[in-house]
PDB file of N, CA and C in Angstrom:
ATOM      1  N   UNK A   1      -1.274-133.380-104.116  1.00  0.00           N
ATOM      2  CA  UNK A   1      -0.185-133.790-104.757  1.00  0.00           C
ATOM      3  C   UNK A   1       0.168-135.263-103.719  1.00  0.00           C
ATOM      4  N   UNK A   2      -0.198-136.208-104.819  1.00  0.00           N
ATOM      5  CA  UNK A   2       0.785-138.000-104.053  1.00  0.00           C
ATOM      6  C   UNK A   2       1.907-138.351-104.597  1.00  0.00           C
ATOM      7  N   UNK A   3       3.013-138.475-104.053  1.00  0.00           N
ATOM      8  CA  UNK A   3       4.106-138.875-104.305  1.00  0.00           C
ATOM      9  C   UNK A   3       4.789-140.081-103.740  1.00  0.00           C
ATOM     10  N   UNK A   4       5.665-141.038-104.469  1.00  0.00           N
ATOM     11  CA  UNK A   4       6.162-142.393-103.685  1.00  0.00           C
ATOM     12  C   UNK A   4       7.771-141.921-104.335  1.00  0.00           C
ATOM     13  N   UNK A   5       8.465-142.487-103.399  1.00  0.00           N
ATOM     14  CA  UNK A   5       9.675-142.353-103.150  1.00  0.00           C
ATOM     15  C   UNK A   5      10.476-143.666-102.600  1.00  0.00           C
ATOM     16  N   UNK A   6      11.716-143.880-103.507  1.00  0.00           N
ATOM     17  CA  UNK A   6      12.215-145.136-102.995  1.00  0.00           C
ATOM     18  C   UNK A   6      13.283-144.229-101.867  1.00  0.00           C
ATOM     19  N   UNK A   7      13.750-145.631-101.048  1.00  0.00           N
ATOM     20  CA  UNK A   7      14.890-145.581-100.081  1.00  0.00           C
ATOM     21  C   UNK A   7      15.788-144.855-100.402  1.00  0.00           C
ATOM     22  N   UNK A   8      16.085-144.645-101.911  1.00  0.00           N
ATOM     23  CA  UNK A   8      17.100-143.250-102.547  1.00  0.00           C
ATOM     24  C   UNK A   8      16.947-142.501-102.940  1.00  0.00           C
ATOM     25  N   UNK A   9      15.954-141.656-102.471  1.00  0.00           N
ATOM     26  CA  UNK A   9      15.017-140.477-102.623  1.00  0.00           C
ATOM     27  C   UNK A   9      15.394-140.567-104.333  1.00  0.00           C
ATOM     28  N   UNK A  10      14.949-141.510-105.064  1.00  0.00           N
ATOM     29  CA  UNK A  10      14.219-141.062-106.414  1.00  0.00           C
ATOM     30  C   UNK A  10      12.845-141.529-106.338  1.00  0.00           C
ATOM     31  N   UNK A  11      12.470-140.202-107.265  1.00  0.00           N
ATOM     32  CA  UNK A  11      10.867-140.264-107.432  1.00  0.00           C
ATOM     33  C   UNK A  11      10.612-141.438-108.032  1.00  0.00           C
ATOM     34  N   UNK A  12       9.740-142.226-107.366  1.00  0.00           N
ATOM     35  CA  UNK A  12       8.724-143.534-108.691  1.00  0.00           C
ATOM     36  C   UNK A  12       7.456-142.481-108.992  1.00  0.00           C
ATOM     37  N   UNK A  13       6.834-141.757-108.483  1.00  0.00           N
ATOM     38  CA  UNK A  13       5.270-141.459-108.896  1.00  0.00           C
ATOM     39  C   UNK A  13       5.612-140.807-108.670  1.00  0.00           C
ATOM     40  N   UNK A  14       4.595-139.401-109.307  1.00  0.00           N
ATOM     41  CA  UNK A  14       4.016-138.126-108.792  1.00  0.00           C
ATOM     42  C   UNK A  14       2.822-138.218-109.429  1.00  0.00           C
ATOM     43  N   UNK A  15       1.368-138.193-108.603  1.00  0.00           N
ATOM     44  CA  UNK A  15       0.388-138.145-109.432  1.00  0.00           C
ATOM     45  C   UNK A  15      -0.243-136.778-110.067  1.00  0.00           C
ATOM     46  N   UNK A  16      -1.030-136.841-110.419  1.00  0.00           N
ATOM     47  CA  UNK A  16      -1.963-135.556-110.897  1.00  0.00           C
ATOM     48  C   UNK A  16      -3.601-135.964-111.258  1.00  0.00           C
ATOM     49  N   UNK A  17      -4.563-135.028-111.622  1.00  0.00           N
ATOM     50  CA  UNK A  17      -5.995-134.992-111.486  1.00  0.00           C
ATOM     51  C   UNK A  17      -6.005-136.654-112.565  1.00  0.00           C
ATOM     52  N   UNK A  18      -5.139-136.895-113.416  1.00  0.00           N
ATOM     53  CA  UNK A  18      -5.522-137.430-114.882  1.00  0.00           C
ATOM     54  C   UNK A  18      -5.431-139.108-113.946  1.00  0.00           C
ATOM     55  N   UNK A  19      -4.343-139.207-113.022  1.00  0.00           N
ATOM     56  CA  UNK A  19      -3.789-140.428-113.014  1.00  0.00           C
ATOM     57  C   UNK A  19      -4.671-141.162-111.526  1.00  0.00           C
ATOM     58  N   UNK A  20      -6.115-139.813-111.099  1.00  0.00           N
ATOM     59  CA  UNK A  20      -6.768-140.237-110.040  1.00  0.00           C
ATOM     60  C   UNK A  20      -6.033-140.882-108.662  1.00  0.00           C
ATOM     61  N   UNK A  21      -4.815-140.371-108.732  1.00  0.00           N
ATOM     62  CA  UNK A  21      -4.438-140.273-107.099  1.00  0.00           C
ATOM     63  C   UNK A  21      -3.456-142.070-107.151  1.00  0.00           C
ATOM     64  N   UNK A  22      -3.539-142.508-108.148  1.00  0.00           N
ATOM     65  CA  UNK A  22      -3.558-144.423-108.327  1.00  0.00           C
ATOM     66  C   UNK A  22      -2.094-144.872-107.992  1.00  0.00           C
ATOM     67  N   UNK A  23      -1.572-145.046-107.339  1.00  0.00           N
ATOM     68  CA  UNK A  23      -0.268-145.931-107.770  1.00  0.00           C
ATOM     69  C   UNK A  23      -0.578-147.022-107.726  1.00  0.00           C
ATOM     70  N   UNK A  24      -0.100-148.102-108.867  1.00  0.00           N
ATOM     71  CA  UNK A  24      -0.351-149.167-108.863  1.00  0.00           C
ATOM     72  C   UNK A  24       0.737-150.304-108.619  1.00  0.00           C
ATOM     73  N   UNK A  25       2.316-149.820-107.930  1.00  0.00           N
ATOM     74  CA  UNK A  25       3.534-150.366-107.647  1.00  0.00           C
ATOM     75  C   UNK A  25       4.644-150.766-108.735  1.00  0.00           C
ATOM     76  N   UNK A  26       4.549-150.375-109.798  1.00  0.00           N
ATOM     77  CA  UNK A  26       5.335-149.958-110.877  1.00  0.00           C
ATOM     78  C   UNK A  26       5.357-149.108-110.710  1.00  0.00           C
ATOM     79  N   UNK A  27       6.728-148.733-111.532  1.00  0.00           N
ATOM     80  CA  UNK A  27       7.823-147.897-112.437  1.00  0.00           C
ATOM     81  C   UNK A  27       8.124-147.867-113.851  1.00  0.00           C
ATOM     82  N   UNK A  28       7.756-146.865-114.648  1.00  0.00           N
ATOM     83  CA  UNK A  28       7.745-146.823-116.237  1.00  0.00           C
ATOM     84  C   UNK A  28       6.899-148.781-116.206  1.00  0.00           C
ATOM     85  N   UNK A  29       5.984-148.957-115.875  1.00  0.00           N
ATOM     86  CA  UNK A  29       5.420-150.199-116.305  1.00  0.00           C
ATOM     87  C   UNK A  29       5.926-151.341-115.727  1.00  0.00           C
ATOM     88  N   UNK A  30       6.776-151.267-115.272  1.00  0.00           N
ATOM     89  CA  UNK A  30       7.769-152.626-114.429  1.00  0.00           C
ATOM     90  C   UNK A  30       7.618-152.292-113.373  1.00  0.00           C
ATOM     91  N   UNK A  31       6.973-153.813-112.328  1.00  0.00           N
ATOM     92  CA  UNK A  31       6.757-153.737-110.940  1.00  0.00           C
ATOM     93  C   UNK A  31       7.798-154.062-110.059  1.00  0.00           C
ATOM     94  N   UNK A  32       7.737-153.132-109.258  1.00  0.00           N
ATOM     95  CA  UNK A  32       8.753-152.079-108.475  1.00  0.00           C
ATOM     96  C   UNK A  32       9.387-153.791-107.511  1.00  0.00           C
ATOM     97  N   UNK A  33      10.555-154.380-107.042  1.00  0.00           N
ATOM     98  CA  UNK A  33      10.722-155.449-105.947  1.00  0.00           C
ATOM     99  C   UNK A  33       9.935-154.780-104.680  1.00  0.00           C
ATOM    100  N   UNK A  34      10.190-156.151-103.849  1.00  0.00           N
ATOM    101  CA  UNK A  34       9.544-156.047-102.497  1.00  0.00           C
ATOM    102  C   UNK A  34      10.795-155.133-101.896  1.00  0.00           C
ATOM    103  N   UNK A  35       9.889-154.000-101.116  1.00  0.00           N
ATOM    104  CA  UNK A  35      10.698-152.677-100.054  1.00  0.00           C
ATOM    105  C   UNK A  35       9.885-152.166 -99.310  1.00  0.00           C
ATOM    106  N   UNK A  36      10.879-151.097 -98.762  1.00  0.00           N
ATOM    107  CA  UNK A  36       9.693-150.078 -98.356  1.00  0.00           C
ATOM    108  C   UNK A  36       9.948-149.248 -99.409  1.00  0.00           C
ATOM    109  N   UNK A  37       8.586-148.487 -99.299  1.00  0.00           N
ATOM    110  CA  UNK A  37       8.750-147.305 -99.830  1.00  0.00           C
ATOM    111  C   UNK A  37       8.081-145.689 -99.131  1.00  0.00           C
ATOM    112  N   UNK A  38       8.954-144.428 -99.471  1.00  0.00           N
ATOM    113  CA  UNK A  38       7.973-143.541 -98.773  1.00  0.00           C
ATOM    114  C   UNK A  38       6.996-142.726 -99.889  1.00  0.00           C
ATOM    115  N   UNK A  39       6.103-141.915 -98.635  1.00  0.00           N
ATOM    116  CA  UNK A  39       4.748-141.315 -99.532  1.00  0.00           C
ATOM    117  C   UNK A  39       5.198-140.458 -99.038  1.00  0.00           C
ATOM    118  N   UNK A  40       4.529-139.390-100.023  1.00  0.00           N
ATOM    119  CA  UNK A  40       4.111-137.306 -99.410  1.00  0.00           C
ATOM    120  C   UNK A  40       2.636-137.294-100.229  1.00  0.00           C
ATOM    121  N   UNK A  41       1.807-136.956 -99.382  1.00  0.00           N
ATOM    122  CA  UNK A  41       0.711-136.567 -99.681  1.00  0.00           C
ATOM    123  C   UNK A  41       0.492-135.057 -99.320  1.00  0.00           C
ATOM    124  N   UNK A  42       0.094-133.738-100.308  1.00  0.00           N
ATOM    125  CA  UNK A  42      -0.258-132.301 -99.690  1.00  0.00           C
ATOM    126  C   UNK A  42      -1.383-132.517-100.809  1.00  0.00           C
ATOM    127  N   UNK A  43      -1.847-131.600 -99.623  1.00  0.00           N
ATOM    128  CA  UNK A  43      -3.343-130.873 -99.974  1.00  0.00           C
ATOM    129  C   UNK A  43      -3.988-129.471 -99.593  1.00  0.00           C
ATOM    130  N   UNK A  44      -4.779-129.047-100.051  1.00  0.00           N
ATOM    131  CA  UNK A  44      -4.743-127.720 -99.572  1.00  0.00           C
ATOM    132  C   UNK A  44      -6.144-128.032 -98.733  1.00  0.00           C
ATOM    133  N   UNK A  45      -7.005-127.512 -97.408  1.00  0.00           N
ATOM    134  CA  UNK A  45      -8.158-127.810 -96.640  1.00  0.00           C
ATOM    135  C   UNK A  45      -9.039-127.418 -97.248  1.00  0.00           C
ATOM    136  N   UNK A  46     -10.222-128.035 -97.622  1.00  0.00           N
ATOM    137  CA  UNK A  46     -11.511-127.683 -98.737  1.00  0.00           C
ATOM    138  C   UNK A  46     -12.503-126.304 -97.750  1.00  0.00           C
ATOM    139  N   UNK A  47     -12.094-125.060 -98.784  1.00  0.00           N
ATOM    140  CA  UNK A  47     -12.769-123.841 -98.062  1.00  0.00           C
ATOM    141  C   UNK A  47     -11.849-123.100 -97.345  1.00  0.00           C
ATOM    142  N   UNK A  48     -10.304-123.618 -96.922  1.00  0.00           N
ATOM    143  CA  UNK A  48      -9.107-122.562 -96.990  1.00  0.00           C
ATOM    144  C   UNK A  48      -8.225-122.919 -97.528  1.00  0.00           C
ATOM    145  N   UNK A  49      -7.032-122.182 -97.510  1.00  0.00           N
ATOM    146  CA  UNK A  49      -5.768-121.690 -98.290  1.00  0.00           C
ATOM    147  C   UNK A  49      -4.525-122.864 -97.346  1.00  0.00           C
ATOM    148  N   UNK A  50      -5.292-123.341 -96.152  1.00  0.00           N
ATOM    149  CA  UNK A  50      -4.407-124.035 -95.403  1.00  0.00           C
ATOM    150  C   UNK A  50      -3.620-125.593 -95.694  1.00  0.00           C
ATOM    151  N   UNK A  51      -2.104-124.945 -96.084  1.00  0.00           N
ATOM    152  CA  UNK A  51      -1.755-126.978 -96.433  1.00  0.00           C
ATOM    153  C   UNK A  51      -1.536-127.788 -95.552  1.00  0.00           C
ATOM    154  N   UNK A  52      -1.642-128.894 -95.958  1.00  0.00           N
ATOM    155  CA  UNK A  52      -1.745-129.992 -95.344  1.00  0.00           C
ATOM    156  C   UNK A  52      -0.034-131.009 -95.796  1.00  0.00           C
ATOM    157  N   UNK A  53       0.402-131.898 -95.046  1.00  0.00           N
ATOM    158  CA  UNK A  53       1.481-132.682 -95.528  1.00  0.00           C
ATOM    159  C   UNK A  53       1.222-134.216 -94.872  1.00  0.00           C
ATOM    160  N   UNK A  54       1.153-134.835 -95.527  1.00  0.00           N
ATOM    161  CA  UNK A  54       1.188-136.180 -94.405  1.00  0.00           C
ATOM    162  C   UNK A  54       2.209-136.984 -95.120  1.00  0.00           C
ATOM    163  N   UNK A  55       3.159-137.539 -94.524  1.00  0.00           N
ATOM    164  CA  UNK A  55       3.763-138.310 -94.551  1.00  0.00           C
ATOM    165  C   UNK A  55       4.157-139.616 -94.588  1.00  0.00           C
ATOM    166  N   UNK A  56       4.532-141.308 -95.296  1.00  0.00           N
ATOM    167  CA  UNK A  56       4.479-142.178 -93.981  1.00  0.00           C
ATOM    168  C   UNK A  56       5.237-143.316 -95.029  1.00  0.00           C
ATOM    169  N   UNK A  57       5.675-144.414 -94.775  1.00  0.00           N
ATOM    170  CA  UNK A  57       5.828-145.424 -95.675  1.00  0.00           C
ATOM    171  C   UNK A  57       4.960-146.115 -95.979  1.00  0.00           C
ATOM    172  N   UNK A  58       5.074-147.114 -97.297  1.00  0.00           N
ATOM    173  CA  UNK A  58       4.833-147.727 -97.505  1.00  0.00           C
ATOM    174  C   UNK A  58       5.464-149.691 -97.894  1.00  0.00           C
ATOM    175  N   UNK A  59       4.854-150.806 -96.865  1.00  0.00           N
ATOM    176  CA  UNK A  59       5.630-151.843 -97.637  1.00  0.00           C
ATOM    177  C   UNK A  59       5.106-152.279 -98.925  1.00  0.00           C
ATOM    178  N   UNK A  60       5.412-152.672 -99.562  1.00  0.00           N
ATOM    179  CA  UNK A  60       5.294-153.297-101.118  1.00  0.00           C
ATOM    180  C   UNK A  60       5.933-154.687-101.018  1.00  0.00           C
ATOM    181  N   UNK A  61       4.394-155.748-101.502  1.00  0.00           N
ATOM    182  CA  UNK A  61       5.442-156.860-101.605  1.00  0.00           C
ATOM    183  C   UNK A  61       4.931-157.403-103.254  1.00  0.00           C
ATOM    184  N   UNK A  62       5.923-157.539-103.894  1.00  0.00           N
ATOM    185  CA  UNK A  62       5.837-158.098-105.192  1.00  0.00           C
ATOM    186  C   UNK A  62       5.742-159.719-104.888  1.00  0.00           C
ATOM    187  N   UNK A  63       4.226-160.432-105.507  1.00  0.00           N
ATOM    188  CA  UNK A  63       4.489-161.756-105.104  1.00  0.00           C
ATOM    189  C   UNK A  63       4.140-162.559-106.476  1.00  0.00           C
ATOM    190  N   UNK A  64       5.553-161.876-107.407  1.00  0.00           N
ATOM    191  CA  UNK A  64       5.371-162.667-108.714  1.00  0.00           C
ATOM    192  C   UNK A  64       6.682-163.959-108.603  1.00  0.00           C
TER     193      UNK A  64
END
């Protein structure tokens, strides 16, 4: 799972296998403003049931 969240906790992107875990920097088809966004990535290690979670931030620059 791959999620992107804004500074106020609003979920902007929640991936699934059909989206191929790719975020285009948009929310509802509209380009987001330049800002910092946070991500959460969850998965289970191959061959085990051990859950792994990575979190961090992304600086998105809208050049329009």
